[in-house]
Protein backbone atom coordinates (compact mmCIF):
# COMPACT_ATOMS: atom_id res chain seq x y z
CA MET A 1 20.48 1.76 -23.57
CA SER A 2 21.66 0.90 -20.12
CA GLY A 3 18.38 0.82 -18.16
CA PRO A 4 17.02 3.08 -15.53
CA ALA A 5 19.11 5.90 -14.13
CA PRO A 6 20.94 5.14 -10.84
CA ALA A 7 18.67 7.52 -8.89
CA ARG A 8 15.58 5.75 -10.19
CA ARG A 9 17.03 2.30 -9.29
CA GLN A 10 17.82 3.58 -5.87
CA ALA A 11 14.32 4.91 -5.37
CA TYR A 12 12.91 1.55 -6.55
CA ARG A 13 15.03 -0.36 -4.02
CA ARG A 14 14.06 2.10 -1.26
CA GLY A 15 10.40 1.49 -2.11
CA LEU A 16 10.77 -2.30 -2.02
CA SER A 17 12.53 -2.02 1.31
CA ALA A 18 9.78 0.17 2.73
CA GLU A 19 7.11 -2.24 1.52
CA THR A 20 8.96 -5.20 3.09
CA LEU A 21 9.28 -3.33 6.38
CA ALA A 22 5.57 -2.36 6.23
CA ALA A 23 4.55 -5.94 5.44
CA TRP A 24 6.49 -7.21 8.52
CA ALA A 25 4.97 -4.53 10.74
CA LEU A 26 1.48 -5.62 9.60
CA ARG A 27 2.31 -9.27 10.18
CA LEU A 28 3.37 -8.49 13.73
CA LYS A 29 -0.04 -6.84 14.23
CA GLY A 30 -1.81 -10.02 13.15
CA TYR A 31 -2.40 -9.34 9.44
CA ALA A 32 -1.64 -11.79 6.70
CA VAL A 33 -0.17 -10.12 3.63
CA ILE A 34 -1.90 -11.85 0.75
CA ASP A 35 -0.65 -9.79 -2.16
CA ARG A 36 2.18 -7.33 -2.88
CA ARG A 37 2.64 -4.86 -5.70
CA TYR A 38 -0.63 -5.62 -7.46
CA ARG A 39 -0.74 -3.76 -10.70
CA SER A 40 -3.70 -3.17 -12.96
CA GLY A 41 -4.52 -0.74 -15.71
CA ALA A 42 -6.42 1.27 -13.11
CA GLY A 43 -3.60 1.64 -10.59
CA GLU A 44 -1.38 -0.14 -8.12
CA ILE A 45 -1.80 -1.52 -4.64
CA ASP A 46 1.34 -1.89 -2.57
CA LEU A 47 -0.01 -4.44 -0.12
CA VAL A 48 -3.22 -6.34 0.34
CA ALA A 49 -3.56 -7.60 3.95
CA ARG A 50 -6.17 -9.64 5.60
CA ARG A 51 -7.16 -9.82 9.27
CA GLY A 52 -10.15 -12.00 9.90
CA ARG A 53 -12.79 -10.87 7.46
CA LEU A 54 -11.21 -7.58 6.79
CA LEU A 55 -9.22 -6.68 3.69
CA ALA A 56 -6.89 -3.72 4.01
CA PHE A 57 -5.62 -2.21 0.77
CA VAL A 58 -2.40 -0.55 1.93
CA GLU A 59 -0.43 2.27 0.42
CA VAL A 60 3.12 2.46 1.65
CA LYS A 61 4.95 5.78 1.54
CA ALA A 62 8.63 6.23 2.44
CA ARG A 63 9.76 9.83 2.95
CA GLN A 64 12.08 11.70 5.29
CA THR A 65 9.14 12.76 7.58
CA ARG A 66 5.73 11.38 8.33
CA GLU A 67 4.15 14.63 7.14
CA ALA A 68 5.93 14.37 3.76
CA ALA A 69 4.83 10.72 3.44
CA LEU A 70 1.21 11.57 4.27
CA GLU A 71 1.17 14.44 1.76
CA ALA A 72 2.38 12.07 -0.93
CA VAL A 73 -1.01 10.31 -0.99
CA SER A 74 -3.07 12.58 -3.21
CA ASP A 75 -6.78 12.36 -4.00
CA THR A 76 -5.83 11.10 -7.45
CA ALA A 77 -3.67 8.37 -5.96
CA ALA A 78 -6.46 7.40 -3.57
CA ARG A 79 -8.88 7.06 -6.54
CA ARG A 80 -6.42 4.85 -8.44
CA ILE A 81 -5.86 2.66 -5.42
CA ALA A 82 -9.65 2.32 -5.01
CA ALA A 83 -10.12 1.44 -8.71
CA ALA A 84 -7.32 -1.14 -8.49
CA ALA A 85 -8.91 -2.56 -5.30
CA GLU A 86 -12.22 -3.09 -7.16
CA LEU A 87 -10.31 -5.01 -9.85
CA TRP A 88 -8.38 -7.01 -7.26
CA VAL A 89 -11.64 -8.10 -5.56
CA ALA A 90 -13.20 -8.94 -8.92
CA ARG A 91 -10.23 -11.26 -9.67
CA HIS A 92 -10.42 -12.77 -6.19
CA PRO A 93 -14.12 -13.53 -5.65
CA ALA A 94 -13.54 -15.46 -2.44
CA PHE A 95 -12.91 -12.10 -0.81
CA ALA A 96 -15.93 -10.31 -2.29
CA ASP A 97 -17.98 -10.31 0.93
CA PHE A 98 -15.06 -9.14 3.18
CA ASP A 99 -15.11 -5.68 4.75
CA GLN A 100 -12.71 -3.37 3.03
CA ARG A 101 -10.54 -0.57 4.35
CA PHE A 102 -7.87 1.69 2.82
CA ASP A 103 -4.82 2.09 5.03
CA ILE A 104 -1.50 3.89 4.74
CA VAL A 105 1.81 2.85 6.25
CA LEU A 106 4.27 5.71 6.62
CA VAL A 107 7.90 4.70 6.61
CA VAL A 108 10.54 7.21 7.76
CA PRO A 109 14.22 6.70 8.50
CA ARG A 110 15.09 5.21 11.97
CA ARG A 111 11.45 4.88 13.06
CA TRP A 112 9.03 2.01 13.23
CA PRO A 113 6.41 2.19 10.41
CA HIS A 114 3.32 4.11 11.37
CA HIS A 115 0.10 2.26 10.35
CA MET A 116 -2.86 4.57 9.73
CA LYS A 117 -6.06 2.47 9.61
CA ASP A 118 -8.89 3.66 7.45
CA ALA A 119 -6.73 6.55 6.26
CA PHE A 120 -8.91 7.48 3.33
CA ARG A 121 -12.25 6.63 1.80
CA PRO A 122 -12.40 6.97 -1.92
CA ALA A 123 -15.37 8.77 -3.44
CA ARG A 124 -17.83 6.33 -4.99
């Protein structure tokens, strides 16, 4: 076996690049990125960012258009992100009393990342 197909490797690299760009955009807005690519059995969180006493669980989507990027965040994905966020907070109890928000950063070619604050609220 030779590993993942070239298209899959390219998509992976594109995703890493988009997450790095999104992290820098958030830092420039005053956020501290405290975790990247957090994975749990429940789901994955691309970025966990802090600003004051606010935790933002950030989904990064890179597509050719903002509309396509936004459509890529399904209700199922939102539920998985929320479940992973619960586990993240459980494993980092110092942040348990912080306000929480679910954001999306849309990354499209030749544009600055678009940060959507409070982009979704998972059903509880």
